[in-house]
Amino acid sequence: MSKIIVMIGAPGAGKGTQSRLLSEKYGYPQISTGDILREMAQADTSLGRKIKETMAAGQLVSDEILAQVILERTSQPDCENGYILDGYPRTLNQAHLLEDLALKQRKQVHLARVVVSEDALFKRLTGRRTCAKCGEIYNIYFRSPKVEGVCDLDGAPLAQRSDDNPESVSRRFEEYRRSTAPLIDYYRQSGRLIELDGELPVMEVFEKLCAVIEGPKS
């Protein structure tokens, strides 16, 4: 049975990296609901206009619209053998809607959670610095540049993302804890929760994830 892999993890945990590696290895498309909604909001369709109005008002798109968006995207041929969801589901109601969809598509849902301690995440995020010119990423705690504030590769200045300050990071952690705790419990009780130690090297985390997805070798 083909799979739907739901990737979750606190900001900075590395779920995006693991999603990309999964996509490259298995050919699963990586589906970000945020990207799809922004794209659809540009389309001159009744659904597109509705999404645009909702987002412009600073409101959350309803579960029903999100379910419709997910259904449309995952009905495309590239999703036939499986796909990765990033940013969905975020609530228990959305998880139940996904169960209905998986049943129709004859797919099995697994939740892959990348676990990293908040102390480590705090340093990963608040210590992150990016080269304004080449995009190279440094960290003042784990991988500092040779000269403070300057890229080793091209000498361009390093910048900190506006939402990587301590106050914003703390708020993002709080929101993550509040929104995902019920989901984690739901998938754990159903025996479909994959938990990964995100403090291990990236490829080691990926190997463990693949081993669980592929199941025991016959």
Protein backbone atom coordinates (compact mmCIF):
# COMPACT_ATOMS: atom_id res chain seq x y z
CA MET A 1 0.00 0.00 0.00
CA SER A 2 1.39 3.42 -0.95
CA LYS A 3 1.95 5.91 1.85
CA ILE A 4 1.13 9.43 2.93
CA ILE A 5 3.98 10.73 5.07
CA VAL A 6 2.98 13.63 7.32
CA MET A 7 6.13 15.47 8.46
CA ILE A 8 6.03 17.49 11.67
CA GLY A 9 8.65 19.01 13.93
CA ALA A 10 9.23 22.22 15.83
CA PRO A 11 10.70 25.17 13.88
CA GLY A 12 14.33 24.34 13.03
CA ALA A 13 14.00 20.60 13.72
CA GLY A 14 14.96 19.69 10.15
CA LYS A 15 11.66 18.30 8.85
CA GLY A 16 12.12 20.21 5.58
CA THR A 17 15.49 18.56 5.00
CA GLN A 18 14.09 15.09 5.70
CA SER A 19 11.11 15.77 3.40
CA ARG A 20 13.46 16.77 0.59
CA LEU A 21 15.59 13.64 1.04
CA LEU A 22 12.47 11.43 1.04
CA SER A 23 11.24 13.12 -2.12
CA GLU A 24 14.59 12.56 -3.85
CA LYS A 25 14.82 8.88 -2.85
CA TYR A 26 11.26 7.70 -3.43
CA GLY A 27 9.99 10.25 -5.94
CA TYR A 28 7.24 11.32 -3.53
CA PRO A 29 6.11 14.90 -4.24
CA GLN A 30 6.56 17.22 -1.27
CA ILE A 31 3.27 19.06 -0.78
CA SER A 32 3.26 22.27 1.24
CA THR A 33 -0.26 23.54 1.89
CA GLY A 34 1.08 27.08 2.38
CA ASP A 35 2.70 27.06 -1.09
CA ILE A 36 -0.45 25.65 -2.73
CA LEU A 37 -2.75 28.20 -1.06
CA ARG A 38 -0.52 31.10 -2.12
CA GLU A 39 -0.45 29.75 -5.69
CA MET A 40 -4.23 29.18 -5.80
CA ALA A 41 -4.89 32.67 -4.42
CA GLN A 42 -3.36 34.04 -7.64
CA ALA A 43 -5.78 32.05 -9.85
CA ASP A 44 -8.92 33.71 -11.18
CA THR A 45 -11.28 30.96 -10.04
CA SER A 46 -14.11 31.00 -7.49
CA LEU A 47 -11.99 28.92 -5.07
CA GLY A 48 -8.90 31.08 -5.75
CA ARG A 49 -10.82 34.30 -5.05
CA LYS A 50 -12.26 32.84 -1.84
CA ILE A 51 -8.78 31.81 -0.62
CA LYS A 52 -7.35 35.23 -1.54
CA GLU A 53 -10.08 37.07 0.41
CA THR A 54 -9.59 34.82 3.46
CA MET A 55 -5.80 35.25 3.47
CA ALA A 56 -6.05 39.01 2.86
CA ALA A 57 -8.28 39.29 5.93
CA GLY A 58 -5.60 37.51 7.97
CA GLN A 59 -7.91 34.58 8.65
CA LEU A 60 -7.20 30.84 8.49
CA VAL A 61 -8.55 28.95 5.50
CA SER A 62 -11.37 26.62 6.62
CA ASP A 63 -10.82 22.88 7.08
CA GLU A 64 -13.29 22.21 4.25
CA ILE A 65 -11.39 24.38 1.75
CA LEU A 66 -8.07 22.88 2.85
CA ALA A 67 -9.48 19.37 2.37
CA GLN A 68 -10.61 20.34 -1.13
CA VAL A 69 -7.16 21.79 -1.93
CA ILE A 70 -5.42 18.62 -0.67
CA LEU A 71 -7.83 16.40 -2.62
CA GLU A 72 -7.23 18.30 -5.87
CA ARG A 73 -3.45 18.28 -5.51
CA THR A 74 -3.11 14.65 -4.40
CA SER A 75 -5.38 13.38 -7.18
CA GLN A 76 -2.66 14.25 -9.70
CA PRO A 77 -0.65 11.36 -11.24
CA ASP A 78 2.62 12.18 -9.42
CA CYS A 79 0.95 11.34 -6.07
CA GLU A 80 -0.18 7.85 -7.09
CA ASN A 81 2.69 6.02 -5.34
CA GLY A 82 2.68 8.23 -2.26
CA TYR A 83 3.32 11.80 -1.16
CA ILE A 84 4.69 13.93 1.69
CA LEU A 85 2.52 16.50 3.47
CA ASP A 86 4.19 19.53 5.05
CA GLY A 87 1.88 21.79 7.07
CA TYR A 88 -1.17 19.49 7.02
CA PRO A 89 -2.92 18.28 9.10
CA ARG A 90 -2.57 20.82 11.91
CA THR A 91 -5.69 19.90 13.89
CA LEU A 92 -7.53 16.72 14.88
CA ASN A 93 -10.42 17.59 12.56
CA GLN A 94 -7.98 17.90 9.65
CA ALA A 95 -6.43 14.55 10.65
CA HIS A 96 -9.87 12.90 10.45
CA LEU A 97 -10.48 14.46 7.01
CA LEU A 98 -7.11 13.09 5.90
CA GLU A 99 -8.11 9.61 7.11
CA ASP A 100 -11.19 9.77 4.85
CA LEU A 101 -9.04 10.85 1.91
CA ALA A 102 -6.45 8.11 2.56
CA LEU A 103 -9.21 5.51 2.61
CA LYS A 104 -10.51 6.70 -0.78
CA GLN A 105 -6.99 6.77 -2.22
CA ARG A 106 -6.10 3.39 -0.67
CA LYS A 107 -3.09 4.87 1.09
CA GLN A 108 -1.70 4.49 4.60
CA VAL A 109 -0.97 7.59 6.73
CA HIS A 110 2.17 7.80 8.89
CA LEU A 111 3.18 10.76 11.03
CA ALA A 112 6.95 11.33 11.11
CA ARG A 113 7.99 13.57 14.00
CA VAL A 114 11.50 14.99 14.13
CA VAL A 115 12.30 15.49 17.82
CA VAL A 116 14.92 18.02 18.96
CA SER A 117 15.26 19.52 22.44
CA GLU A 118 14.12 23.13 22.75
CA ASP A 119 17.56 24.19 24.00
CA ALA A 120 19.21 22.88 20.82
CA LEU A 121 16.48 24.37 18.62
CA PHE A 122 16.80 27.73 20.34
CA LYS A 123 20.51 27.82 19.48
CA ARG A 124 19.90 26.55 15.94
CA LEU A 125 17.42 29.35 15.25
CA THR A 126 18.71 32.34 17.21
CA GLY A 127 22.31 31.54 16.19
CA ARG A 128 21.51 31.22 12.46
CA ARG A 129 23.17 33.72 10.14
CA THR A 130 22.84 33.76 6.34
CA CYS A 131 25.09 35.30 3.68
CA ALA A 132 23.16 38.02 1.88
CA LYS A 133 25.04 37.25 -1.35
CA CYS A 134 25.47 33.46 -1.76
CA GLY A 135 22.95 32.14 0.79
CA GLU A 136 25.54 30.14 2.79
CA ILE A 137 24.23 29.43 6.31
CA TYR A 138 26.31 29.73 9.50
CA ASN A 139 25.55 29.42 13.19
CA ILE A 140 27.31 31.40 15.91
CA TYR A 141 27.08 28.40 18.27
CA PHE A 142 27.82 25.44 15.96
CA ARG A 143 29.43 26.76 12.75
CA SER A 144 30.68 30.27 13.15
CA PRO A 145 32.40 32.15 10.29
CA LYS A 146 36.15 32.81 10.50
CA VAL A 147 35.44 36.54 10.83
CA GLU A 148 32.38 37.53 12.86
CA GLY A 149 29.49 38.75 10.68
CA VAL A 150 31.28 38.02 7.39
CA CYS A 151 30.86 35.12 4.93
CA ASP A 152 33.95 32.91 4.54
CA LEU A 153 33.22 32.37 0.82
CA ASP A 154 32.71 35.88 -0.55
CA GLY A 155 33.21 38.36 2.30
CA ALA A 156 29.60 39.54 2.13
CA PRO A 157 27.81 40.51 5.35
CA LEU A 158 25.80 37.91 7.27
CA ALA A 159 22.21 38.63 8.26
CA GLN A 160 19.79 37.22 10.83
CA ARG A 161 16.20 36.45 9.82
CA SER A 162 13.71 38.81 11.49
CA ASP A 163 11.79 35.90 13.07
CA ASP A 164 14.95 34.27 14.47
CA ASN A 165 15.04 36.59 17.50
CA PRO A 166 14.48 35.01 20.95
CA GLU A 167 10.94 36.41 21.42
CA SER A 168 9.68 35.21 18.03
CA VAL A 169 11.30 31.80 18.44
CA SER A 170 9.68 31.31 21.86
CA ARG A 171 6.26 32.21 20.39
CA ARG A 172 6.76 29.75 17.50
CA PHE A 173 7.63 26.95 19.97
CA GLU A 174 4.51 27.70 22.03
CA GLU A 175 2.26 27.62 18.94
CA TYR A 176 3.85 24.34 17.80
CA ARG A 177 3.31 22.70 21.20
CA ARG A 178 -0.30 23.84 21.38
CA SER A 179 -1.29 22.80 17.85
CA THR A 180 0.57 19.50 17.48
CA ALA A 181 0.23 17.81 20.89
CA PRO A 182 -3.23 16.37 20.09
CA LEU A 183 -2.00 15.12 16.69
CA ILE A 184 0.99 13.36 18.23
CA ASP A 185 -1.27 11.58 20.74
CA TYR A 186 -3.75 10.61 18.01
CA TYR A 187 -1.14 8.99 15.75
CA ARG A 188 0.74 7.43 18.67
CA GLN A 189 -2.43 5.68 19.89
CA SER A 190 -3.09 4.33 16.40
CA GLY A 191 0.48 2.97 16.17
CA ARG A 192 1.41 5.14 13.17
CA LEU A 193 3.78 7.61 14.80
CA ILE A 194 7.41 7.56 13.66
CA GLU A 195 9.64 9.46 16.13
CA LEU A 196 13.15 10.42 15.07
CA ASP A 197 16.01 11.90 17.09
CA GLY A 198 16.66 15.09 15.12
CA GLU A 199 19.90 15.76 17.03
CA LEU A 200 21.61 12.88 15.21
CA PRO A 201 23.48 13.57 11.92
CA VAL A 202 21.07 14.29 9.04
CA MET A 203 21.78 11.09 7.07
CA GLU A 204 21.49 8.93 10.19
CA VAL A 205 18.02 10.38 10.86
CA PHE A 206 17.13 9.75 7.21
CA GLU A 207 18.26 6.11 7.31
CA LYS A 208 16.10 5.47 10.38
CA LEU A 209 13.12 7.13 8.70
CA CYS A 210 13.53 5.01 5.55
CA ALA A 211 13.85 1.81 7.60
CA VAL A 212 10.48 2.47 9.28
CA ILE A 213 8.76 3.50 6.04
CA GLU A 214 9.98 0.45 4.15
CA GLY A 215 9.17 -1.92 7.04
CA PRO A 216 11.01 -5.15 7.86
CA LYS A 217 12.84 -6.84 5.01
CA SER A 218 11.38 -10.17 3.96
